[in-house]
Amino acid sequence: MRDRLGEHAGDEKGDLTGPNPVDRGKYGSKIHLITERTGLPLSVGISGANVHDSQALMPLVKGIPPIRSRRGPRRRRPGKLHADKGYDYAHLRKWLSRRGIRHRIARKGVETSQRLGRHRWTIERTMSWLAGCRRLHRRYERKAEHFLAFTSIACTLICYRRLAK
């Protein structure tokens, strides 16, 4: 409840927010996303703006649902994973290898990000589709579950629009 000066008791920022290191310390959230080759979202997650991207990789890979294929059993993990330099850590490479996922992660100081660009544009396009949803452009929800639900609905709409054609 707000008083007449607009002040209120309680936390205003909400769950899973953090000071954005790029935007003058304003509190915000990040959307983490794994897509398949054509840009359909497979797994989505959110975190505070100050959380490093590499910390979201394991929960996202674990969150990929079983995917039905034309032949054989359902696939429970991707065959190959492309990622940028933000995910270049030995423990993530080992973890992906133990799970049987081939990884193509750009190495810091060795490779340029331009070689990865022929694969990365699909994730950037999907992120721009998500940015087109006004509800996600600015986080209005205090509870992280609500924001994640709206993000999931937006991903469902992206899948519907792509697969309905």
N, C-alpha and C. Protein backbone atom coordinates (compact mmCIF):
# COMPACT_ATOMS: atom_id res chain seq x y z
N MET A 1 0.84 -1.18 0.00
CA MET A 1 0.00 0.00 0.00
C MET A 1 0.89 1.24 0.00
N ARG A 2 0.55 2.18 -0.83
CA ARG A 2 1.33 3.40 -0.94
C ARG A 2 0.70 4.52 -0.11
N ASP A 3 1.57 5.36 0.40
CA ASP A 3 1.03 6.53 1.10
C ASP A 3 0.90 7.68 0.10
N ARG A 4 0.57 8.84 0.57
CA ARG A 4 0.30 9.93 -0.35
C ARG A 4 1.54 10.46 -1.06
N LEU A 5 2.73 10.12 -0.56
CA LEU A 5 3.97 10.57 -1.21
C LEU A 5 4.49 9.55 -2.22
N GLY A 6 3.76 8.44 -2.39
CA GLY A 6 4.19 7.43 -3.33
C GLY A 6 5.16 6.43 -2.74
N GLU A 7 5.42 6.53 -1.45
CA GLU A 7 6.33 5.59 -0.80
C GLU A 7 5.53 4.43 -0.25
N HIS A 8 6.16 3.29 -0.16
CA HIS A 8 5.47 2.11 0.35
C HIS A 8 6.45 1.25 1.12
N ALA A 9 5.91 0.41 1.94
CA ALA A 9 6.73 -0.53 2.69
C ALA A 9 6.94 -1.77 1.85
N GLY A 10 8.09 -2.40 1.95
CA GLY A 10 8.35 -3.63 1.22
C GLY A 10 9.33 -3.43 0.08
N ASP A 11 9.71 -4.54 -0.49
CA ASP A 11 10.69 -4.53 -1.56
C ASP A 11 10.04 -4.17 -2.88
N GLU A 12 10.58 -3.21 -3.58
CA GLU A 12 10.02 -2.76 -4.84
C GLU A 12 10.61 -3.50 -6.03
N LYS A 13 11.79 -4.08 -5.86
CA LYS A 13 12.50 -4.64 -7.01
C LYS A 13 11.93 -5.97 -7.47
N GLY A 14 11.57 -6.84 -6.58
CA GLY A 14 11.04 -8.13 -6.97
C GLY A 14 12.09 -9.22 -6.97
N ASP A 15 11.63 -10.44 -7.25
CA ASP A 15 12.52 -11.60 -7.27
C ASP A 15 13.35 -11.63 -8.55
N LEU A 16 14.51 -12.22 -8.43
CA LEU A 16 15.42 -12.43 -9.56
C LEU A 16 15.71 -11.15 -10.33
N THR A 17 16.02 -10.09 -9.61
CA THR A 17 16.48 -8.86 -10.22
C THR A 17 17.85 -8.55 -9.65
N GLY A 18 18.57 -7.72 -10.33
CA GLY A 18 19.88 -7.31 -9.87
C GLY A 18 20.31 -6.04 -10.56
N PRO A 19 21.31 -5.36 -10.00
CA PRO A 19 21.77 -4.12 -10.63
C PRO A 19 22.43 -4.41 -11.98
N ASN A 20 21.98 -3.74 -13.00
CA ASN A 20 22.50 -3.94 -14.34
C ASN A 20 23.86 -3.25 -14.45
N PRO A 21 24.93 -3.98 -14.78
CA PRO A 21 26.25 -3.36 -14.85
C PRO A 21 26.40 -2.40 -16.04
N VAL A 22 25.51 -2.47 -17.00
CA VAL A 22 25.61 -1.63 -18.19
C VAL A 22 24.73 -0.39 -18.07
N ASP A 23 23.61 -0.51 -17.37
CA ASP A 23 22.60 0.55 -17.36
C ASP A 23 22.59 1.30 -16.02
N ARG A 24 23.69 1.86 -15.61
CA ARG A 24 23.82 2.71 -14.43
C ARG A 24 23.28 2.08 -13.15
N GLY A 25 23.35 0.76 -13.05
CA GLY A 25 22.96 0.08 -11.83
C GLY A 25 21.47 -0.04 -11.62
N LYS A 26 20.66 0.23 -12.65
CA LYS A 26 19.22 0.03 -12.51
C LYS A 26 18.94 -1.46 -12.37
N TYR A 27 17.95 -1.78 -11.58
CA TYR A 27 17.62 -3.19 -11.36
C TYR A 27 16.85 -3.73 -12.55
N GLY A 28 17.19 -4.96 -12.93
CA GLY A 28 16.52 -5.57 -14.06
C GLY A 28 16.75 -7.07 -14.10
N SER A 29 16.24 -7.69 -15.13
CA SER A 29 16.34 -9.14 -15.31
C SER A 29 16.88 -9.45 -16.69
N LYS A 30 17.43 -10.66 -16.82
CA LYS A 30 17.89 -11.17 -18.11
C LYS A 30 17.04 -12.36 -18.48
N ILE A 31 16.83 -12.52 -19.77
CA ILE A 31 16.15 -13.70 -20.29
C ILE A 31 17.22 -14.57 -20.94
N HIS A 32 17.32 -15.83 -20.51
CA HIS A 32 18.25 -16.79 -21.08
C HIS A 32 17.44 -17.76 -21.92
N LEU A 33 18.00 -18.15 -23.07
CA LEU A 33 17.22 -18.91 -24.04
C LEU A 33 18.09 -19.91 -24.77
N ILE A 34 17.56 -21.12 -24.97
CA ILE A 34 18.17 -22.10 -25.86
C ILE A 34 17.15 -22.36 -26.95
N THR A 35 17.63 -22.27 -28.20
CA THR A 35 16.75 -22.52 -29.34
C THR A 35 17.31 -23.66 -30.18
N GLU A 36 16.46 -24.17 -31.05
CA GLU A 36 16.95 -25.15 -32.00
C GLU A 36 17.46 -24.40 -33.23
N ARG A 37 17.89 -25.12 -34.23
CA ARG A 37 18.60 -24.53 -35.36
C ARG A 37 17.83 -23.43 -36.07
N THR A 38 16.52 -23.53 -36.16
CA THR A 38 15.75 -22.53 -36.90
C THR A 38 15.25 -21.39 -36.01
N GLY A 39 15.50 -21.45 -34.72
CA GLY A 39 15.13 -20.35 -33.84
C GLY A 39 13.93 -20.61 -32.95
N LEU A 40 13.39 -21.84 -32.94
CA LEU A 40 12.28 -22.14 -32.04
C LEU A 40 12.80 -22.32 -30.62
N PRO A 41 12.22 -21.64 -29.66
CA PRO A 41 12.70 -21.76 -28.28
C PRO A 41 12.47 -23.15 -27.71
N LEU A 42 13.50 -23.71 -27.08
CA LEU A 42 13.40 -25.01 -26.42
C LEU A 42 13.36 -24.88 -24.91
N SER A 43 14.16 -23.97 -24.38
CA SER A 43 14.25 -23.81 -22.93
C SER A 43 14.47 -22.33 -22.63
N VAL A 44 13.78 -21.84 -21.61
CA VAL A 44 13.87 -20.43 -21.27
C VAL A 44 14.05 -20.29 -19.76
N GLY A 45 14.78 -19.27 -19.36
CA GLY A 45 14.98 -18.99 -17.94
C GLY A 45 15.24 -17.51 -17.74
N ILE A 46 15.12 -17.05 -16.50
CA ILE A 46 15.40 -15.65 -16.19
C ILE A 46 16.34 -15.60 -15.01
N SER A 47 17.06 -14.49 -14.91
CA SER A 47 17.96 -14.25 -13.77
C SER A 47 18.10 -12.75 -13.59
N GLY A 48 18.78 -12.37 -12.54
CA GLY A 48 19.06 -10.96 -12.31
C GLY A 48 20.01 -10.43 -13.36
N ALA A 49 19.99 -9.12 -13.56
CA ALA A 49 20.83 -8.52 -14.60
C ALA A 49 22.31 -8.62 -14.27
N ASN A 50 22.65 -8.83 -13.00
CA ASN A 50 24.05 -8.90 -12.62
C ASN A 50 24.59 -10.33 -12.58
N VAL A 51 23.81 -11.32 -12.98
CA VAL A 51 24.24 -12.72 -12.99
C VAL A 51 24.93 -13.01 -14.32
N HIS A 52 26.07 -13.67 -14.26
CA HIS A 52 26.81 -13.98 -15.49
C HIS A 52 26.05 -15.02 -16.30
N ASP A 53 26.14 -14.92 -17.61
CA ASP A 53 25.40 -15.81 -18.51
C ASP A 53 25.79 -17.28 -18.31
N SER A 54 27.04 -17.54 -17.99
CA SER A 54 27.50 -18.93 -17.88
C SER A 54 26.81 -19.69 -16.76
N GLN A 55 26.30 -19.00 -15.76
CA GLN A 55 25.63 -19.66 -14.65
C GLN A 55 24.25 -20.19 -15.04
N ALA A 56 23.73 -19.76 -16.17
CA ALA A 56 22.39 -20.20 -16.59
C ALA A 56 22.44 -21.37 -17.56
N LEU A 57 23.62 -21.78 -18.00
CA LEU A 57 23.69 -22.82 -19.03
C LEU A 57 23.20 -24.17 -18.53
N MET A 58 23.66 -24.59 -17.39
CA MET A 58 23.28 -25.92 -16.88
C MET A 58 21.78 -26.04 -16.65
N PRO A 59 21.13 -25.10 -15.95
CA PRO A 59 19.67 -25.22 -15.79
C PRO A 59 18.91 -25.19 -17.12
N LEU A 60 19.40 -24.43 -18.09
CA LEU A 60 18.72 -24.38 -19.38
C LEU A 60 18.84 -25.71 -20.12
N VAL A 61 20.01 -26.31 -20.10
CA VAL A 61 20.19 -27.60 -20.80
C VAL A 61 19.36 -28.67 -20.10
N LYS A 62 19.33 -28.64 -18.77
CA LYS A 62 18.52 -29.62 -18.04
C LYS A 62 17.03 -29.41 -18.29
N GLY A 63 16.64 -28.19 -18.64
CA GLY A 63 15.22 -27.87 -18.85
C GLY A 63 14.71 -28.17 -20.24
N ILE A 64 15.56 -28.68 -21.14
CA ILE A 64 15.09 -29.00 -22.49
C ILE A 64 14.16 -30.20 -22.41
N PRO A 65 12.94 -30.08 -22.91
CA PRO A 65 12.00 -31.20 -22.83
C PRO A 65 12.36 -32.29 -23.82
N PRO A 66 11.88 -33.52 -23.60
CA PRO A 66 12.10 -34.59 -24.60
C PRO A 66 11.42 -34.23 -25.91
N ILE A 67 12.15 -34.39 -26.99
CA ILE A 67 11.65 -33.99 -28.30
C ILE A 67 11.41 -35.23 -29.14
N ARG A 68 10.25 -35.33 -29.70
CA ARG A 68 9.90 -36.48 -30.53
C ARG A 68 10.60 -36.36 -31.88
N SER A 69 11.18 -37.44 -32.31
CA SER A 69 11.80 -37.48 -33.64
C SER A 69 10.99 -38.42 -34.53
N ARG A 70 11.27 -38.38 -35.80
CA ARG A 70 10.52 -39.21 -36.74
C ARG A 70 10.81 -40.69 -36.52
N ARG A 71 12.06 -41.00 -36.17
CA ARG A 71 12.45 -42.38 -35.93
C ARG A 71 13.11 -42.48 -34.56
N GLY A 72 12.90 -43.60 -33.93
CA GLY A 72 13.61 -43.87 -32.68
C GLY A 72 12.98 -43.22 -31.47
N PRO A 73 13.69 -43.32 -30.35
CA PRO A 73 13.16 -42.77 -29.09
C PRO A 73 13.24 -41.24 -29.08
N ARG A 74 12.58 -40.67 -28.10
CA ARG A 74 12.61 -39.22 -27.94
C ARG A 74 14.02 -38.77 -27.58
N ARG A 75 14.42 -37.65 -28.13
CA ARG A 75 15.73 -37.09 -27.82
C ARG A 75 15.61 -36.25 -26.57
N ARG A 76 16.49 -36.49 -25.61
CA ARG A 76 16.44 -35.77 -24.35
C ARG A 76 17.53 -34.71 -24.23
N ARG A 77 18.41 -34.64 -25.21
CA ARG A 77 19.47 -33.63 -25.19
C ARG A 77 19.83 -33.28 -26.63
N PRO A 78 20.37 -32.09 -26.83
CA PRO A 78 20.77 -31.72 -28.19
C PRO A 78 22.03 -32.46 -28.61
N GLY A 79 22.23 -32.60 -29.90
CA GLY A 79 23.44 -33.24 -30.40
C GLY A 79 24.63 -32.30 -30.34
N LYS A 80 24.37 -31.00 -30.55
CA LYS A 80 25.45 -30.02 -30.59
C LYS A 80 24.94 -28.72 -30.01
N LEU A 81 25.82 -27.98 -29.35
CA LEU A 81 25.44 -26.72 -28.73
C LEU A 81 26.43 -25.65 -29.16
N HIS A 82 25.93 -24.57 -29.74
CA HIS A 82 26.76 -23.43 -30.11
C HIS A 82 26.58 -22.36 -29.05
N ALA A 83 27.70 -21.75 -28.63
CA ALA A 83 27.63 -20.70 -27.61
C ALA A 83 28.73 -19.68 -27.85
N ASP A 84 28.54 -18.48 -27.32
CA ASP A 84 29.55 -17.45 -27.51
C ASP A 84 30.58 -17.49 -26.39
N LYS A 85 31.46 -16.49 -26.37
CA LYS A 85 32.60 -16.49 -25.45
C LYS A 85 32.19 -16.39 -23.98
N GLY A 86 31.00 -15.97 -23.71
CA GLY A 86 30.55 -15.87 -22.32
C GLY A 86 30.42 -17.22 -21.64
N TYR A 87 30.41 -18.28 -22.42
CA TYR A 87 30.26 -19.63 -21.88
C TYR A 87 31.56 -20.42 -21.95
N ASP A 88 32.68 -19.76 -22.19
CA ASP A 88 33.98 -20.41 -22.35
C ASP A 88 34.61 -20.68 -20.98
N TYR A 89 34.17 -21.77 -20.36
CA TYR A 89 34.72 -22.22 -19.09
C TYR A 89 34.95 -23.72 -19.16
N ALA A 90 36.04 -24.17 -18.57
CA ALA A 90 36.41 -25.59 -18.65
C ALA A 90 35.35 -26.47 -18.00
N HIS A 91 34.78 -26.03 -16.87
CA HIS A 91 33.80 -26.88 -16.19
C HIS A 91 32.52 -27.03 -17.02
N LEU A 92 32.15 -26.01 -17.80
CA LEU A 92 30.98 -26.13 -18.66
C LEU A 92 31.27 -27.05 -19.84
N ARG A 93 32.47 -26.96 -20.40
CA ARG A 93 32.85 -27.86 -21.50
C ARG A 93 32.85 -29.31 -21.03
N LYS A 94 33.40 -29.56 -19.85
CA LYS A 94 33.44 -30.93 -19.31
C LYS A 94 32.03 -31.43 -19.02
N TRP A 95 31.20 -30.58 -18.46
CA TRP A 95 29.83 -30.98 -18.12
C TRP A 95 29.06 -31.35 -19.39
N LEU A 96 29.20 -30.54 -20.45
CA LEU A 96 28.53 -30.86 -21.71
C LEU A 96 29.06 -32.15 -22.31
N SER A 97 30.36 -32.36 -22.24
CA SER A 97 30.95 -33.58 -22.79
C SER A 97 30.47 -34.81 -22.03
N ARG A 98 30.37 -34.72 -20.71
CA ARG A 98 29.88 -35.85 -19.91
C ARG A 98 28.45 -36.20 -20.26
N ARG A 99 27.67 -35.22 -20.64
CA ARG A 99 26.28 -35.48 -21.02
C ARG A 99 26.14 -35.93 -22.47
N GLY A 100 27.24 -36.00 -23.20
CA GLY A 100 27.20 -36.45 -24.58
C GLY A 100 26.78 -35.37 -25.56
N ILE A 101 26.96 -34.12 -25.19
CA ILE A 101 26.60 -32.99 -26.06
C ILE A 101 27.89 -32.41 -26.63
N ARG A 102 27.99 -32.44 -27.95
CA ARG A 102 29.15 -31.81 -28.57
C ARG A 102 28.97 -30.30 -28.45
N HIS A 103 30.04 -29.60 -28.14
CA HIS A 103 29.94 -28.16 -27.94
C HIS A 103 30.82 -27.43 -28.94
N ARG A 104 30.35 -26.29 -29.33
CA ARG A 104 31.11 -25.37 -30.19
C ARG A 104 31.04 -24.02 -29.50
N ILE A 105 31.99 -23.81 -28.59
CA ILE A 105 32.04 -22.59 -27.79
C ILE A 105 33.25 -21.79 -28.23
N ALA A 106 33.05 -20.54 -28.59
CA ALA A 106 34.16 -19.67 -28.99
C ALA A 106 35.09 -19.49 -27.79
N ARG A 107 36.40 -19.56 -28.04
CA ARG A 107 37.38 -19.45 -26.97
C ARG A 107 37.83 -18.01 -26.82
N LYS A 108 37.95 -17.57 -25.57
CA LYS A 108 38.38 -16.20 -25.29
C LYS A 108 39.82 -16.00 -25.73
N GLY A 109 40.09 -14.93 -26.44
CA GLY A 109 41.44 -14.59 -26.84
C GLY A 109 41.98 -15.41 -27.99
N VAL A 110 41.24 -16.40 -28.47
CA VAL A 110 41.72 -17.26 -29.55
C VAL A 110 40.91 -17.05 -30.81
N GLU A 111 39.60 -17.15 -30.69
CA GLU A 111 38.72 -17.06 -31.85
C GLU A 111 37.94 -15.76 -31.84
N THR A 112 37.60 -15.31 -33.00
CA THR A 112 36.73 -14.15 -33.10
C THR A 112 35.28 -14.62 -33.05
N SER A 113 34.43 -13.75 -32.65
CA SER A 113 33.01 -14.10 -32.57
C SER A 113 32.36 -14.13 -33.94
N GLN A 114 33.05 -13.65 -34.95
CA GLN A 114 32.45 -13.59 -36.28
C GLN A 114 32.26 -14.98 -36.89
N ARG A 115 33.13 -15.93 -36.56
CA ARG A 115 32.96 -17.28 -37.09
C ARG A 115 31.70 -17.92 -36.55
N LEU A 116 31.33 -17.55 -35.34
CA LEU A 116 30.14 -18.10 -34.73
C LEU A 116 28.87 -17.39 -35.22
N GLY A 117 29.04 -16.28 -35.94
CA GLY A 117 27.91 -15.46 -36.37
C GLY A 117 26.93 -16.18 -37.27
N ARG A 118 27.40 -17.17 -38.03
CA ARG A 118 26.48 -17.87 -38.93
C ARG A 118 25.51 -18.75 -38.17
N HIS A 119 25.77 -19.02 -36.90
CA HIS A 119 24.85 -19.77 -36.05
C HIS A 119 24.16 -18.86 -35.03
N ARG A 120 24.83 -17.81 -34.64
CA ARG A 120 24.33 -16.97 -33.55
C ARG A 120 23.16 -16.09 -33.97
N TRP A 121 23.03 -15.80 -35.25
CA TRP A 121 21.96 -14.90 -35.66
C TRP A 121 20.59 -15.47 -35.35
N THR A 122 20.46 -16.80 -35.29
CA THR A 122 19.14 -17.37 -35.00
C THR A 122 18.71 -17.05 -33.58
N ILE A 123 19.64 -17.10 -32.63
CA ILE A 123 19.28 -16.78 -31.24
C ILE A 123 19.00 -15.28 -31.11
N GLU A 124 19.77 -14.46 -31.82
CA GLU A 124 19.53 -13.02 -31.77
C GLU A 124 18.18 -12.67 -32.37
N ARG A 125 17.79 -13.37 -33.44
CA ARG A 125 16.48 -13.13 -34.04
C ARG A 125 15.37 -13.52 -33.08
N THR A 126 15.53 -14.65 -32.40
CA THR A 126 14.51 -15.09 -31.44
C THR A 126 14.42 -14.10 -30.28
N MET A 127 15.56 -13.59 -29.83
CA MET A 127 15.53 -12.59 -28.75
C MET A 127 14.83 -11.31 -29.22
N SER A 128 15.00 -10.95 -30.48
CA SER A 128 14.30 -9.77 -30.99
C SER A 128 12.79 -10.03 -31.09
N TRP A 129 12.40 -11.27 -31.42
CA TRP A 129 10.98 -11.61 -31.39
C TRP A 129 10.42 -11.46 -29.99
N LEU A 130 11.20 -11.89 -28.99
CA LEU A 130 10.75 -11.74 -27.60
C LEU A 130 10.69 -10.26 -27.21
N ALA A 131 11.63 -9.48 -27.70
CA ALA A 131 11.64 -8.05 -27.38
C ALA A 131 10.43 -7.34 -27.99
N GLY A 132 9.83 -7.95 -29.02
CA GLY A 132 8.63 -7.37 -29.61
C GLY A 132 7.40 -7.49 -28.72
N CYS A 133 7.47 -8.32 -27.71
CA CYS A 133 6.37 -8.45 -26.76
C CYS A 133 6.51 -7.34 -25.71
N ARG A 134 5.57 -6.43 -25.71
CA ARG A 134 5.68 -5.26 -24.82
C ARG A 134 5.74 -5.65 -23.36
N ARG A 135 5.10 -6.72 -23.01
CA ARG A 135 5.06 -7.13 -21.61
C ARG A 135 6.44 -7.55 -21.13
N LEU A 136 7.29 -8.02 -22.03
CA LEU A 136 8.63 -8.47 -21.65
C LEU A 136 9.68 -7.37 -21.80
N HIS A 137 9.35 -6.36 -22.58
CA HIS A 137 10.33 -5.30 -22.81
C HIS A 137 10.68 -4.59 -21.51
N ARG A 138 9.69 -4.40 -20.69
CA ARG A 138 9.89 -3.82 -19.37
C ARG A 138 9.22 -4.73 -18.37
N ARG A 139 9.93 -5.08 -17.32
CA ARG A 139 9.38 -6.03 -16.35
C ARG A 139 8.45 -5.30 -15.38
N TYR A 140 7.18 -5.66 -15.45
CA TYR A 140 6.18 -5.06 -14.57
C TYR A 140 5.87 -5.94 -13.36
N GLU A 141 6.16 -7.22 -13.46
CA GLU A 141 5.81 -8.16 -12.40
C GLU A 141 6.88 -8.18 -11.33
N ARG A 142 6.45 -8.25 -10.10
CA ARG A 142 7.39 -8.35 -9.00
C ARG A 142 7.83 -9.79 -8.78
N LYS A 143 6.91 -10.72 -8.97
CA LYS A 143 7.25 -12.12 -8.74
C LYS A 143 7.92 -12.71 -9.98
N ALA A 144 9.00 -13.43 -9.73
CA ALA A 144 9.75 -14.02 -10.84
C ALA A 144 8.93 -15.08 -11.57
N GLU A 145 8.08 -15.80 -10.85
CA GLU A 145 7.26 -16.83 -11.49
C GLU A 145 6.32 -16.23 -12.53
N HIS A 146 5.79 -15.05 -12.24
CA HIS A 146 4.88 -14.40 -13.18
C HIS A 146 5.63 -13.95 -14.43
N PHE A 147 6.83 -13.37 -14.23
CA PHE A 147 7.61 -12.92 -15.38
C PHE A 147 8.04 -14.11 -16.24
N LEU A 148 8.41 -15.21 -15.59
CA LEU A 148 8.78 -16.41 -16.33
C LEU A 148 7.58 -16.98 -17.08
N ALA A 149 6.40 -16.89 -16.49
CA ALA A 149 5.19 -17.37 -17.16
C ALA A 149 4.89 -16.55 -18.41
N PHE A 150 5.02 -15.23 -18.33
CA PHE A 150 4.79 -14.40 -19.51
C PHE A 150 5.85 -14.66 -20.58
N THR A 151 7.08 -14.91 -20.16
CA THR A 151 8.14 -15.25 -21.11
C THR A 151 7.83 -16.57 -21.80
N SER A 152 7.34 -17.53 -21.04
CA SER A 152 6.97 -18.83 -21.62
C SER A 152 5.80 -18.70 -22.59
N ILE A 153 4.84 -17.86 -22.26
CA ILE A 153 3.72 -17.62 -23.17
C ILE A 153 4.22 -16.99 -24.47
N ALA A 154 5.15 -16.05 -24.37
CA ALA A 154 5.71 -15.43 -25.57
C ALA A 154 6.46 -16.45 -26.42
N CYS A 155 7.19 -17.35 -25.77
CA CYS A 155 7.89 -18.41 -26.51
C CYS A 155 6.90 -19.35 -27.19
N THR A 156 5.79 -19.63 -26.52
CA THR A 156 4.75 -20.47 -27.10
C THR A 156 4.14 -19.80 -28.33
N LEU A 157 3.92 -18.50 -28.26
CA LEU A 157 3.38 -17.77 -29.41
C LEU A 157 4.37 -17.76 -30.58
N ILE A 158 5.66 -17.65 -30.27
CA ILE A 158 6.68 -17.71 -31.33
C ILE A 158 6.63 -19.07 -32.02
N CYS A 159 6.56 -20.13 -31.23
CA CYS A 159 6.48 -21.48 -31.80
C CYS A 159 5.21 -21.65 -32.63
N TYR A 160 4.10 -21.16 -32.14
CA TYR A 160 2.84 -21.28 -32.86
C TYR A 160 2.90 -20.56 -34.21
N ARG A 161 3.41 -19.33 -34.19
CA ARG A 161 3.47 -18.54 -35.43
C ARG A 161 4.40 -19.20 -36.45
N ARG A 162 5.50 -19.78 -35.98
CA ARG A 162 6.45 -20.41 -36.90
C ARG A 162 5.92 -21.73 -37.45
N LEU A 163 5.25 -22.50 -36.59
CA LEU A 163 4.82 -23.84 -37.01
C LEU A 163 3.47 -23.83 -37.73
N ALA A 164 2.70 -22.75 -37.60
CA ALA A 164 1.39 -22.67 -38.24
C ALA A 164 1.51 -22.40 -39.74
N LYS A 165 2.66 -21.93 -40.17
CA LYS A 165 2.83 -21.61 -41.59
C LYS A 165 2.95 -22.86 -42.43
